[in-house]
PDB file of N, CA and C in Angstrom:
ATOM      1  N   MET A   1      23.216  33.910  32.643  1.00  0.00           N
ATOM      2  CA  MET A   1      24.353  34.466  33.357  1.00  0.00           C
ATOM      3  C   MET A   1      23.989  34.822  34.792  1.00  0.00           C
ATOM      4  N   ASN A   2      22.703  34.850  35.109  1.00  0.00           N
ATOM      5  CA  ASN A   2      22.298  35.103  36.482  1.00  0.00           C
ATOM      6  C   ASN A   2      22.796  34.015  37.419  1.00  0.00           C
ATOM      7  N   ILE A   3      22.820  32.772  36.935  1.00  0.00           N
ATOM      8  CA  ILE A   3      23.321  31.662  37.746  1.00  0.00           C
ATOM      9  C   ILE A   3      24.800  31.872  38.049  1.00  0.00           C
ATOM     10  N   ALA A   4      25.568  32.254  37.039  1.00  0.00           N
ATOM     11  CA  ALA A   4      26.999  32.489  37.237  1.00  0.00           C
ATOM     12  C   ALA A   4      27.219  33.619  38.234  1.00  0.00           C
ATOM     13  N   TRP A   5      26.468  34.706  38.072  1.00  0.00           N
ATOM     14  CA  TRP A   5      26.624  35.834  39.001  1.00  0.00           C
ATOM     15  C   TRP A   5      26.318  35.399  40.424  1.00  0.00           C
ATOM     16  N   GLU A   6      25.216  34.684  40.616  1.00  0.00           N
ATOM     17  CA  GLU A   6      24.816  34.270  41.958  1.00  0.00           C
ATOM     18  C   GLU A   6      25.861  33.367  42.593  1.00  0.00           C
ATOM     19  N   ARG A   7      26.350  32.406  41.846  1.00  0.00           N
ATOM     20  CA  ARG A   7      27.337  31.472  42.407  1.00  0.00           C
ATOM     21  C   ARG A   7      28.673  32.162  42.691  1.00  0.00           C
ATOM     22  N   LEU A   8      29.089  33.048  41.802  1.00  0.00           N
ATOM     23  CA  LEU A   8      30.335  33.781  42.039  1.00  0.00           C
ATOM     24  C   LEU A   8      30.194  34.740  43.217  1.00  0.00           C
ATOM     25  N   GLN A   9      29.027  35.340  43.369  1.00  0.00           N
ATOM     26  CA  GLN A   9      28.794  36.240  44.492  1.00  0.00           C
ATOM     27  C   GLN A   9      28.848  35.455  45.812  1.00  0.00           C
ATOM     28  N   LEU A  10      28.210  34.293  45.850  1.00  0.00           N
ATOM     29  CA  LEU A  10      28.239  33.461  47.053  1.00  0.00           C
ATOM     30  C   LEU A  10      29.658  32.948  47.340  1.00  0.00           C
ATOM     31  N   ALA A  11      30.383  32.590  46.293  1.00  0.00           N
ATOM     32  CA  ALA A  11      31.765  32.142  46.463  1.00  0.00           C
ATOM     33  C   ALA A  11      32.631  33.274  47.012  1.00  0.00           C
ATOM     34  N   THR A  12      32.420  34.484  46.522  1.00  0.00           N
ATOM     35  CA  THR A  12      33.176  35.637  47.007  1.00  0.00           C
ATOM     36  C   THR A  12      32.858  35.911  48.472  1.00  0.00           C
ATOM     37  N   ALA A  13      31.591  35.801  48.846  1.00  0.00           N
ATOM     38  CA  ALA A  13      31.218  35.967  50.253  1.00  0.00           C
ATOM     39  C   ALA A  13      31.890  34.903  51.115  1.00  0.00           C
ATOM     40  N   GLU A  14      31.976  33.699  50.611  1.00  0.00           N
ATOM     41  CA  GLU A  14      32.661  32.617  51.336  1.00  0.00           C
ATOM     42  C   GLU A  14      34.138  32.942  51.511  1.00  0.00           C
ATOM     43  N   LEU A  15      34.748  33.526  50.505  1.00  0.00           N
ATOM     44  CA  LEU A  15      36.162  33.896  50.584  1.00  0.00           C
ATOM     45  C   LEU A  15      36.417  35.002  51.601  1.00  0.00           C
ATOM     46  N   ALA A  16      35.395  35.795  51.905  1.00  0.00           N
ATOM     47  CA  ALA A  16      35.535  36.916  52.836  1.00  0.00           C
ATOM     48  C   ALA A  16      35.375  36.493  54.293  1.00  0.00           C
ATOM     49  N   ARG A  17      35.028  35.256  54.538  1.00  0.00           N
ATOM     50  CA  ARG A  17      34.834  34.772  55.911  1.00  0.00           C
ATOM     51  C   ARG A  17      36.170  34.525  56.597  1.00  0.00           C
ATOM     52  N   SER A  18      36.089  34.230  57.884  1.00  0.00           N
ATOM     53  CA  SER A  18      37.306  33.919  58.633  1.00  0.00           C
ATOM     54  C   SER A  18      37.760  32.501  58.300  1.00  0.00           C
ATOM     55  N   GLY A  19      39.003  32.217  58.618  1.00  0.00           N
ATOM     56  CA  GLY A  19      39.585  30.910  58.350  1.00  0.00           C
ATOM     57  C   GLY A  19      40.777  31.051  57.426  1.00  0.00           C
ATOM     58  N   SER A  20      41.468  29.962  57.234  1.00  0.00           N
ATOM     59  CA  SER A  20      42.633  30.015  56.354  1.00  0.00           C
ATOM     60  C   SER A  20      42.177  30.191  54.903  1.00  0.00           C
ATOM     61  N   ILE A  21      43.033  30.729  54.091  1.00  0.00           N
ATOM     62  CA  ILE A  21      42.690  30.953  52.686  1.00  0.00           C
ATOM     63  C   ILE A  21      42.356  29.627  52.005  1.00  0.00           C
ATOM     64  N   LYS A  22      43.044  28.576  52.355  1.00  0.00           N
ATOM     65  CA  LYS A  22      42.778  27.284  51.726  1.00  0.00           C
ATOM     66  C   LYS A  22      41.409  26.742  52.138  1.00  0.00           C
ATOM     67  N   GLU A  23      41.051  26.874  53.402  1.00  0.00           N
ATOM     68  CA  GLU A  23      39.717  26.439  53.848  1.00  0.00           C
ATOM     69  C   GLU A  23      38.622  27.229  53.134  1.00  0.00           C
ATOM     70  N   ARG A  24      38.822  28.538  53.027  1.00  0.00           N
ATOM     71  CA  ARG A  24      37.830  29.386  52.376  1.00  0.00           C
ATOM     72  C   ARG A  24      37.726  29.077  50.893  1.00  0.00           C
ATOM     73  N   LEU A  25      38.852  28.788  50.257  1.00  0.00           N
ATOM     74  CA  LEU A  25      38.859  28.454  48.839  1.00  0.00           C
ATOM     75  C   LEU A  25      38.144  27.126  48.588  1.00  0.00           C
ATOM     76  N   VAL A  26      38.391  26.136  49.435  1.00  0.00           N
ATOM     77  CA  VAL A  26      37.684  24.857  49.323  1.00  0.00           C
ATOM     78  C   VAL A  26      36.185  25.093  49.440  1.00  0.00           C
ATOM     79  N   GLY A  27      35.772  25.851  50.444  1.00  0.00           N
ATOM     80  CA  GLY A  27      34.354  26.135  50.640  1.00  0.00           C
ATOM     81  C   GLY A  27      33.745  26.873  49.471  1.00  0.00           C
ATOM     82  N   ALA A  28      34.444  27.871  48.971  1.00  0.00           N
ATOM     83  CA  ALA A  28      33.932  28.657  47.839  1.00  0.00           C
ATOM     84  C   ALA A  28      33.729  27.765  46.622  1.00  0.00           C
ATOM     85  N   TYR A  29      34.685  26.899  46.356  1.00  0.00           N
ATOM     86  CA  TYR A  29      34.572  26.044  45.184  1.00  0.00           C
ATOM     87  C   TYR A  29      33.517  24.951  45.375  1.00  0.00           C
ATOM     88  N   LEU A  30      33.637  24.194  46.452  1.00  0.00           N
ATOM     89  CA  LEU A  30      32.726  23.060  46.638  1.00  0.00           C
ATOM     90  C   LEU A  30      31.282  23.491  46.884  1.00  0.00           C
ATOM     91  N   ASN A  31      31.087  24.548  47.643  1.00  0.00           N
ATOM     92  CA  ASN A  31      29.729  24.973  47.992  1.00  0.00           C
ATOM     93  C   ASN A  31      29.038  25.789  46.903  1.00  0.00           C
ATOM     94  N   HIS A  32      29.827  26.428  46.027  1.00  0.00           N
ATOM     95  CA  HIS A  32      29.199  27.371  45.101  1.00  0.00           C
ATOM     96  C   HIS A  32      29.618  27.241  43.636  1.00  0.00           C
ATOM     97  N   LEU A  33      30.832  26.812  43.377  1.00  0.00           N
ATOM     98  CA  LEU A  33      31.320  26.840  41.990  1.00  0.00           C
ATOM     99  C   LEU A  33      31.437  25.475  41.329  1.00  0.00           C
ATOM    100  N   SER A  34      31.442  24.426  42.107  1.00  0.00           N
ATOM    101  CA  SER A  34      31.706  23.097  41.536  1.00  0.00           C
ATOM    102  C   SER A  34      30.643  22.651  40.536  1.00  0.00           C
ATOM    103  N   THR A  35      29.441  23.153  40.663  1.00  0.00           N
ATOM    104  CA  THR A  35      28.382  22.774  39.728  1.00  0.00           C
ATOM    105  C   THR A  35      28.144  23.817  38.640  1.00  0.00           C
ATOM    106  N   LEU A  36      28.940  24.853  38.635  1.00  0.00           N
ATOM    107  CA  LEU A  36      28.841  25.876  37.597  1.00  0.00           C
ATOM    108  C   LEU A  36      29.491  25.341  36.323  1.00  0.00           C
ATOM    109  N   SER A  37      28.798  25.414  35.220  1.00  0.00           N
ATOM    110  CA  SER A  37      29.390  24.950  33.964  1.00  0.00           C
ATOM    111  C   SER A  37      29.998  26.134  33.238  1.00  0.00           C
ATOM    112  N   GLU A  38      31.032  25.853  32.472  1.00  0.00           N
ATOM    113  CA  GLU A  38      31.711  26.941  31.757  1.00  0.00           C
ATOM    114  C   GLU A  38      30.778  27.639  30.784  1.00  0.00           C
ATOM    115  N   GLY A  39      29.762  26.945  30.276  1.00  0.00           N
ATOM    116  CA  GLY A  39      28.808  27.547  29.355  1.00  0.00           C
ATOM    117  C   GLY A  39      27.937  28.620  29.991  1.00  0.00           C
ATOM    118  N   GLU A  40      27.895  28.659  31.311  1.00  0.00           N
ATOM    119  CA  GLU A  40      27.119  29.674  32.023  1.00  0.00           C
ATOM    120  C   GLU A  40      27.912  30.964  32.224  1.00  0.00           C
ATOM    121  N   LEU A  41      29.168  30.943  31.809  1.00  0.00           N
ATOM    122  CA  LEU A  41      30.058  32.099  31.968  1.00  0.00           C
ATOM    123  C   LEU A  41      30.250  32.824  30.642  1.00  0.00           C
ATOM    124  N   PRO A  42      30.638  34.095  30.705  1.00  0.00           N
ATOM    125  CA  PRO A  42      31.023  34.782  29.465  1.00  0.00           C
ATOM    126  C   PRO A  42      32.195  34.050  28.815  1.00  0.00           C
ATOM    127  N   ARG A  43      32.269  34.104  27.513  1.00  0.00           N
ATOM    128  CA  ARG A  43      33.330  33.381  26.778  1.00  0.00           C
ATOM    129  C   ARG A  43      34.725  33.692  27.296  1.00  0.00           C
ATOM    130  N   GLU A  44      34.957  34.943  27.643  1.00  0.00           N
ATOM    131  CA  GLU A  44      36.308  35.337  28.059  1.00  0.00           C
ATOM    132  C   GLU A  44      36.742  34.697  29.379  1.00  0.00           C
ATOM    133  N   LEU A  45      35.800  34.145  30.148  1.00  0.00           N
ATOM    134  CA  LEU A  45      36.138  33.510  31.424  1.00  0.00           C
ATOM    135  C   LEU A  45      36.176  31.991  31.357  1.00  0.00           C
ATOM    136  N   ARG A  46      35.714  31.430  30.275  1.00  0.00           N
ATOM    137  CA  ARG A  46      35.560  29.967  30.215  1.00  0.00           C
ATOM    138  C   ARG A  46      36.868  29.208  30.342  1.00  0.00           C
ATOM    139  N   ASP A  47      37.880  29.609  29.610  1.00  0.00           N
ATOM    140  CA  ASP A  47      39.168  28.906  29.694  1.00  0.00           C
ATOM    141  C   ASP A  47      39.776  29.039  31.087  1.00  0.00           C
ATOM    142  N   GLU A  48      39.687  30.230  31.641  1.00  0.00           N
ATOM    143  CA  GLU A  48      40.236  30.460  32.979  1.00  0.00           C
ATOM    144  C   GLU A  48      39.506  29.612  34.027  1.00  0.00           C
ATOM    145  N   PHE A  49      38.189  29.535  33.921  1.00  0.00           N
ATOM    146  CA  PHE A  49      37.412  28.722  34.857  1.00  0.00           C
ATOM    147  C   PHE A  49      37.762  27.240  34.686  1.00  0.00           C
ATOM    148  N   THR A  50      37.896  26.793  33.455  1.00  0.00           N
ATOM    149  CA  THR A  50      38.270  25.402  33.195  1.00  0.00           C
ATOM    150  C   THR A  50      39.653  25.099  33.763  1.00  0.00           C
ATOM    151  N   ASP A  51      40.595  26.019  33.575  1.00  0.00           N
ATOM    152  CA  ASP A  51      41.941  25.832  34.127  1.00  0.00           C
ATOM    153  C   ASP A  51      41.910  25.755  35.655  1.00  0.00           C
ATOM    154  N   MET A  52      41.105  26.623  36.281  1.00  0.00           N
ATOM    155  CA  MET A  52      40.984  26.607  37.730  1.00  0.00           C
ATOM    156  C   MET A  52      40.377  25.281  38.206  1.00  0.00           C
ATOM    157  N   THR A  53      39.344  24.834  37.531  1.00  0.00           N
ATOM    158  CA  THR A  53      38.697  23.575  37.893  1.00  0.00           C
ATOM    159  C   THR A  53      39.682  22.412  37.773  1.00  0.00           C
ATOM    160  N   ARG A  54      40.468  22.408  36.724  1.00  0.00           N
ATOM    161  CA  ARG A  54      41.493  21.352  36.568  1.00  0.00           C
ATOM    162  C   ARG A  54      42.505  21.403  37.706  1.00  0.00           C
ATOM    163  N   ALA A  55      42.925  22.611  38.058  1.00  0.00           N
ATOM    164  CA  ALA A  55      43.896  22.762  39.151  1.00  0.00           C
ATOM    165  C   ALA A  55      43.322  22.249  40.465  1.00  0.00           C
ATOM    166  N   PHE A  56      42.009  22.400  40.654  1.00  0.00           N
ATOM    167  CA  PHE A  56      41.365  21.970  41.883  1.00  0.00           C
ATOM    168  C   PHE A  56      41.093  20.465  41.901  1.00  0.00           C
ATOM    169  N   HIS A  57      41.408  19.787  40.822  1.00  0.00           N
ATOM    170  CA  HIS A  57      41.220  18.330  40.746  1.00  0.00           C
ATOM    171  C   HIS A  57      42.519  17.617  40.357  1.00  0.00           C
ATOM    172  N   ARG A  58      43.624  18.292  40.495  1.00  0.00           N
ATOM    173  CA  ARG A  58      44.909  17.799  40.003  1.00  0.00           C
ATOM    174  C   ARG A  58      45.533  16.717  40.885  1.00  0.00           C
ATOM    175  N   VAL A  59      45.353  16.801  42.185  1.00  0.00           N
ATOM    176  CA  VAL A  59      46.062  15.915  43.117  1.00  0.00           C
ATOM    177  C   VAL A  59      45.202  14.713  43.492  1.00  0.00           C
ATOM    178  N   ARG A  60      45.833  13.559  43.510  1.00  0.00           N
ATOM    179  CA  ARG A  60      45.135  12.332  43.941  1.00  0.00           C
ATOM    180  C   ARG A  60      44.878  12.447  45.448  1.00  0.00           C
ATOM    181  N   PRO A  61      43.622  12.257  45.854  1.00  0.00           N
ATOM    182  CA  PRO A  61      43.282  12.420  47.276  1.00  0.00           C
ATOM    183  C   PRO A  61      43.761  11.267  48.143  1.00  0.00           C
ATOM    184  N   LEU A  62      43.959  11.577  49.408  1.00  0.00           N
ATOM    185  CA  LEU A  62      44.240  10.555  50.416  1.00  0.00           C
ATOM    186  C   LEU A  62      42.925   9.859  50.758  1.00  0.00           C
ATOM    187  N   PRO A  63      42.983   8.695  51.383  1.00  0.00           N
ATOM    188  CA  PRO A  63      41.730   8.031  51.788  1.00  0.00           C
ATOM    189  C   PRO A  63      40.884   8.968  52.657  1.00  0.00           C
ATOM    190  N   GLY A  64      39.597   9.053  52.346  1.00  0.00           N
ATOM    191  CA  GLY A  64      38.688   9.911  53.095  1.00  0.00           C
ATOM    192  C   GLY A  64      38.714  11.367  52.680  1.00  0.00           C
ATOM    193  N   GLU A  65      39.425  11.674  51.625  1.00  0.00           N
ATOM    194  CA  GLU A  65      39.577  13.052  51.152  1.00  0.00           C
ATOM    195  C   GLU A  65      39.126  13.099  49.699  1.00  0.00           C
ATOM    196  N   ASP A  66      38.657  14.254  49.237  1.00  0.00           N
ATOM    197  CA  ASP A  66      38.332  14.381  47.815  1.00  0.00           C
ATOM    198  C   ASP A  66      39.453  15.139  47.107  1.00  0.00           C
ATOM    199  N   ALA A  67      39.393  15.132  45.781  1.00  0.00           N
ATOM    200  CA  ALA A  67      40.458  15.741  44.975  1.00  0.00           C
ATOM    201  C   ALA A  67      40.578  17.241  45.218  1.00  0.00           C
ATOM    202  N   VAL A  68      39.462  17.919  45.454  1.00  0.00           N
ATOM    203  CA  VAL A  68      39.512  19.369  45.677  1.00  0.00           C
ATOM    204  C   VAL A  68      40.266  19.673  46.971  1.00  0.00           C
ATOM    205  N   HIS A  69      39.918  18.984  48.043  1.00  0.00           N
ATOM    206  CA  HIS A  69      40.639  19.191  49.303  1.00  0.00           C
ATOM    207  C   HIS A  69      42.131  18.889  49.133  1.00  0.00           C
ATOM    208  N   ALA A  70      42.438  17.778  48.473  1.00  0.00           N
ATOM    209  CA  ALA A  70      43.835  17.384  48.283  1.00  0.00           C
ATOM    210  C   ALA A  70      44.588  18.410  47.441  1.00  0.00           C
ATOM    211  N   SER A  71      43.981  18.851  46.359  1.00  0.00           N
ATOM    212  CA  SER A  71      44.659  19.784  45.450  1.00  0.00           C
ATOM    213  C   SER A  71      44.915  21.128  46.109  1.00  0.00           C
ATOM    214  N   ILE A  72      43.922  21.629  46.819  1.00  0.00           N
ATOM    215  CA  ILE A  72      44.095  22.930  47.470  1.00  0.00           C
ATOM    216  C   ILE A  72      45.032  22.805  48.668  1.00  0.00           C
ATOM    217  N   ARG A  73      44.993  21.684  49.364  1.00  0.00           N
ATOM    218  CA  ARG A  73      45.920  21.447  50.477  1.00  0.00           C
ATOM    219  C   ARG A  73      47.367  21.508  50.001  1.00  0.00           C
ATOM    220  N   LYS A  74      47.628  20.983  48.813  1.00  0.00           N
ATOM    221  CA  LYS A  74      48.995  20.942  48.280  1.00  0.00           C
ATOM    222  C   LYS A  74      49.453  22.266  47.668  1.00  0.00           C
ATOM    223  N   MET A  75      48.523  23.194  47.437  1.00  0.00           N
ATOM    224  CA  MET A  75      48.885  24.496  46.868  1.00  0.00           C
ATOM    225  C   MET A  75      49.669  25.329  47.879  1.00  0.00           C
ATOM    226  N   SER A  76      50.469  26.224  47.361  1.00  0.00           N
ATOM    227  CA  SER A  76      51.082  27.218  48.238  1.00  0.00           C
ATOM    228  C   SER A  76      50.004  28.228  48.630  1.00  0.00           C
ATOM    229  N   ASN A  77      50.241  28.944  49.708  1.00  0.00           N
ATOM    230  CA  ASN A  77      49.299  30.000  50.091  1.00  0.00           C
ATOM    231  C   ASN A  77      49.202  31.069  49.004  1.00  0.00           C
ATOM    232  N   GLU A  78      50.297  31.309  48.320  1.00  0.00           N
ATOM    233  CA  GLU A  78      50.300  32.303  47.243  1.00  0.00           C
ATOM    234  C   GLU A  78      49.409  31.856  46.089  1.00  0.00           C
ATOM    235  N   ASP A  79      49.467  30.578  45.743  1.00  0.00           N
ATOM    236  CA  ASP A  79      48.585  30.064  44.688  1.00  0.00           C
ATOM    237  C   ASP A  79      47.126  30.133  45.122  1.00  0.00           C
ATOM    238  N   ALA A  80      46.853  29.782  46.368  1.00  0.00           N
ATOM    239  CA  ALA A  80      45.481  29.874  46.876  1.00  0.00           C
ATOM    240  C   ALA A  80      44.995  31.319  46.842  1.00  0.00           C
ATOM    241  N   ASP A  81      45.844  32.252  47.233  1.00  0.00           N
ATOM    242  CA  ASP A  81      45.498  33.685  47.154  1.00  0.00           C
ATOM    243  C   ASP A  81      45.176  34.082  45.718  1.00  0.00           C
ATOM    244  N   ARG A  82      45.976  33.592  44.794  1.00  0.00           N
ATOM    245  CA  ARG A  82      45.790  33.937  43.380  1.00  0.00           C
ATOM    246  C   ARG A  82      44.450  33.412  42.860  1.00  0.00           C
ATOM    247  N   TYR A  83      44.101  32.180  43.206  1.00  0.00           N
ATOM    248  CA  TYR A  83      42.816  31.635  42.769  1.00  0.00           C
ATOM    249  C   TYR A  83      41.649  32.379  43.426  1.00  0.00           C
ATOM    250  N   ALA A  84      41.786  32.724  44.688  1.00  0.00           N
ATOM    251  CA  ALA A  84      40.729  33.487  45.360  1.00  0.00           C
ATOM    252  C   ALA A  84      40.543  34.844  44.673  1.00  0.00           C
ATOM    253  N   SER A  85      41.619  35.497  44.338  1.00  0.00           N
ATOM    254  CA  SER A  85      41.540  36.786  43.633  1.00  0.00           C
ATOM    255  C   SER A  85      40.885  36.629  42.273  1.00  0.00           C
ATOM    256  N   ARG A  86      41.165  35.539  41.599  1.00  0.00           N
ATOM    257  CA  ARG A  86      40.555  35.304  40.284  1.00  0.00           C
ATOM    258  C   ARG A  86      39.046  35.103  40.401  1.00  0.00           C
ATOM    259  N   ILE A  87      38.600  34.439  41.449  1.00  0.00           N
ATOM    260  CA  ILE A  87      37.158  34.263  41.645  1.00  0.00           C
ATOM    261  C   ILE A  87      36.490  35.624  41.821  1.00  0.00           C
ATOM    262  N   VAL A  88      37.096  36.494  42.614  1.00  0.00           N
ATOM    263  CA  VAL A  88      36.544  37.838  42.814  1.00  0.00           C
ATOM    264  C   VAL A  88      36.542  38.609  41.495  1.00  0.00           C
ATOM    265  N   ALA A  89      37.609  38.493  40.727  1.00  0.00           N
ATOM    266  CA  ALA A  89      37.676  39.175  39.428  1.00  0.00           C
ATOM    267  C   ALA A  89      36.624  38.630  38.464  1.00  0.00           C
ATOM    268  N   MET A  90      36.384  37.324  38.504  1.00  0.00           N
ATOM    269  CA  MET A  90      35.335  36.737  37.655  1.00  0.00           C
ATOM    270  C   MET A  90      33.973  37.327  38.006  1.00  0.00           C
ATOM    271  N   LEU A  91      33.711  37.511  39.292  1.00  0.00           N
ATOM    272  CA  LEU A  91      32.454  38.139  39.706  1.00  0.00           C
ATOM    273  C   LEU A  91      32.343  39.533  39.112  1.00  0.00           C
ATOM    274  N   GLY A  92      33.415  40.286  39.144  1.00  0.00           N
ATOM    275  CA  GLY A  92      33.401  41.623  38.551  1.00  0.00           C
ATOM    276  C   GLY A  92      33.104  41.592  37.065  1.00  0.00           C
ATOM    277  N   THR A  93      33.692  40.672  36.365  1.00  0.00           N
ATOM    278  CA  THR A  93      33.455  40.547  34.922  1.00  0.00           C
ATOM    279  C   THR A  93      32.004  40.196  34.630  1.00  0.00           C
ATOM    280  N   VAL A  94      31.465  39.211  35.350  1.00  0.00           N
ATOM    281  CA  VAL A  94      30.076  38.809  35.129  1.00  0.00           C
ATOM    282  C   VAL A  94      29.129  39.960  35.481  1.00  0.00           C
ATOM    283  N   THR A  95      29.439  40.699  36.536  1.00  0.00           N
ATOM    284  CA  THR A  95      28.619  41.847  36.919  1.00  0.00           C
ATOM    285  C   THR A  95      28.615  42.899  35.818  1.00  0.00           C
ATOM    286  N   ARG A  96      29.765  43.177  35.248  1.00  0.00           N
ATOM    287  CA  ARG A  96      29.843  44.160  34.149  1.00  0.00           C
ATOM    288  C   ARG A  96      29.030  43.690  32.949  1.00  0.00           C
ATOM    289  N   TYR A  97      29.093  42.415  32.650  1.00  0.00           N
ATOM    290  CA  TYR A  97      28.288  41.887  31.548  1.00  0.00           C
ATOM    291  C   TYR A  97      26.806  42.115  31.812  1.00  0.00           C
ATOM    292  N   GLN A  98      26.382  41.849  33.024  1.00  0.00           N
ATOM    293  CA  GLN A  98      24.966  42.023  33.345  1.00  0.00           C
ATOM    294  C   GLN A  98      24.561  43.496  33.306  1.00  0.00           C
ATOM    295  N   MET A  99      25.430  44.363  33.777  1.00  0.00           N
ATOM    296  CA  MET A  99      25.111  45.790  33.802  1.00  0.00           C
ATOM    297  C   MET A  99      25.059  46.377  32.397  1.00  0.00           C
ATOM    298  N   ASN A 100      25.965  45.934  31.560  1.00  0.00           N
ATOM    299  CA  ASN A 100      26.095  46.502  30.216  1.00  0.00           C
ATOM    300  C   ASN A 100      25.365  45.702  29.150  1.00  0.00           C
ATOM    301  N   GLY A 101      25.084  44.457  29.449  1.00  0.00           N
ATOM    302  CA  GLY A 101      24.491  43.598  28.440  1.00  0.00           C
ATOM    303  C   GLY A 101      25.470  43.239  27.334  1.00  0.00           C
ATOM    304  N   ARG A 102      26.753  43.465  27.592  1.00  0.00           N
ATOM    305  CA  ARG A 102      27.794  43.175  26.600  1.00  0.00           C
ATOM    306  C   ARG A 102      29.135  43.091  27.309  1.00  0.00           C
ATOM    307  N   ALA A 103      30.190  42.959  26.543  1.00  0.00           N
ATOM    308  CA  ALA A 103      31.534  42.850  27.115  1.00  0.00           C
ATOM    309  C   ALA A 103      31.893  44.119  27.876  1.00  0.00           C
ATOM    310  N   PRO A 104      32.624  43.979  28.987  1.00  0.00           N
ATOM    311  CA  PRO A 104      32.991  45.143  29.784  1.00  0.00           C
ATOM    312  C   PRO A 104      33.982  46.044  29.059  1.00  0.00           C
ATOM    313  N   GLN A 105      33.850  47.336  29.332  1.00  0.00           N
ATOM    314  CA  GLN A 105      34.751  48.325  28.741  1.00  0.00           C
ATOM    315  C   GLN A 105      35.692  48.928  29.774  1.00  0.00           C
ATOM    316  N   ALA A 106      35.250  49.012  31.027  1.00  0.00           N
ATOM    317  CA  ALA A 106      36.052  49.645  32.075  1.00  0.00           C
ATOM    318  C   ALA A 106      35.887  48.850  33.366  1.00  0.00           C
ATOM    319  N   PRO A 107      36.849  48.956  34.262  1.00  0.00           N
ATOM    320  CA  PRO A 107      36.728  48.241  35.532  1.00  0.00           C
ATOM    321  C   PRO A 107      35.482  48.656  36.307  1.00  0.00           C
ATOM    322  N   LEU A 108      34.870  47.680  36.984  1.00  0.00           N
ATOM    323  CA  LEU A 108      33.681  47.946  37.785  1.00  0.00           C
ATOM    324  C   LEU A 108      34.033  48.772  39.013  1.00  0.00           C
ATOM    325  N   LEU A 109      35.117  48.427  39.662  1.00  0.00           N
ATOM    326  CA  LEU A 109      35.505  49.172  40.835  1.00  0.00           C
ATOM    327  C   LEU A 109      37.009  49.172  40.945  1.00  0.00           C
ATOM    328  N   GLN A 110      37.487  50.144  41.660  1.00  0.00           N
ATOM    329  CA  GLN A 110      38.919  50.259  41.862  1.00  0.00           C
ATOM    330  C   GLN A 110      39.214  49.745  43.263  1.00  0.00           C
ATOM    331  N   LEU A 111      40.030  48.699  43.363  1.00  0.00           N
ATOM    332  CA  LEU A 111      40.306  48.099  44.649  1.00  0.00           C
ATOM    333  C   LEU A 111      41.326  48.889  45.451  1.00  0.00           C
ATOM    334  N   PHE A 112      42.262  49.525  44.774  1.00  0.00           N
ATOM    335  CA  PHE A 112      43.273  50.301  45.453  1.00  0.00           C
ATOM    336  C   PHE A 112      43.321  51.691  44.832  1.00  0.00           C
ATOM    337  N   ALA A 113      43.373  52.685  45.674  1.00  0.00           N
ATOM    338  CA  ALA A 113      43.429  54.054  45.162  1.00  0.00           C
ATOM    339  C   ALA A 113      44.805  54.300  44.555  1.00  0.00           C
ATOM    340  N   ALA A 114      44.798  54.943  43.422  1.00  0.00           N
ATOM    341  CA  ALA A 114      46.069  55.302  42.785  1.00  0.00           C
ATOM    342  C   ALA A 114      46.629  56.514  43.506  1.00  0.00           C
ATOM    343  N   GLU A 115      47.907  56.434  43.808  1.00  0.00           N
ATOM    344  CA  GLU A 115      48.529  57.545  44.499  1.00  0.00           C
ATOM    345  C   GLU A 115      49.442  58.294  43.548  1.00  0.00           C
ATOM    346  N   ALA A 116      49.396  59.594  43.615  1.00  0.00           N
ATOM    347  CA  ALA A 116      50.220  60.422  42.727  1.00  0.00           C
ATOM    348  C   ALA A 116      51.580  60.642  43.285  1.00  0.00           C
TER     349      ALA A 116
END
């Protein structure tokens, strides 16, 4: 699971860089996640990762383009945002597994403060 954590951490760092969400998502996937196998992930993330990978290979590319670029290019910005958020959430899940040595029980961090 160290491989999964490292690749998800690098992908998350890529998502935090400047540029359009689609450019960052392409970079995160191609540079860090494309060689990650579902078997390297906790069971609860495998189907989600497989679904994401399929979505990133769904569109037939134009000449000189690969399927990942084509698929993400055709996504709405909202869909790209959603996939980027899922990558960050996957990192949190893998981190909790490593910290606990088992399935997570509580969120690792709170992204937004709850207001009363």
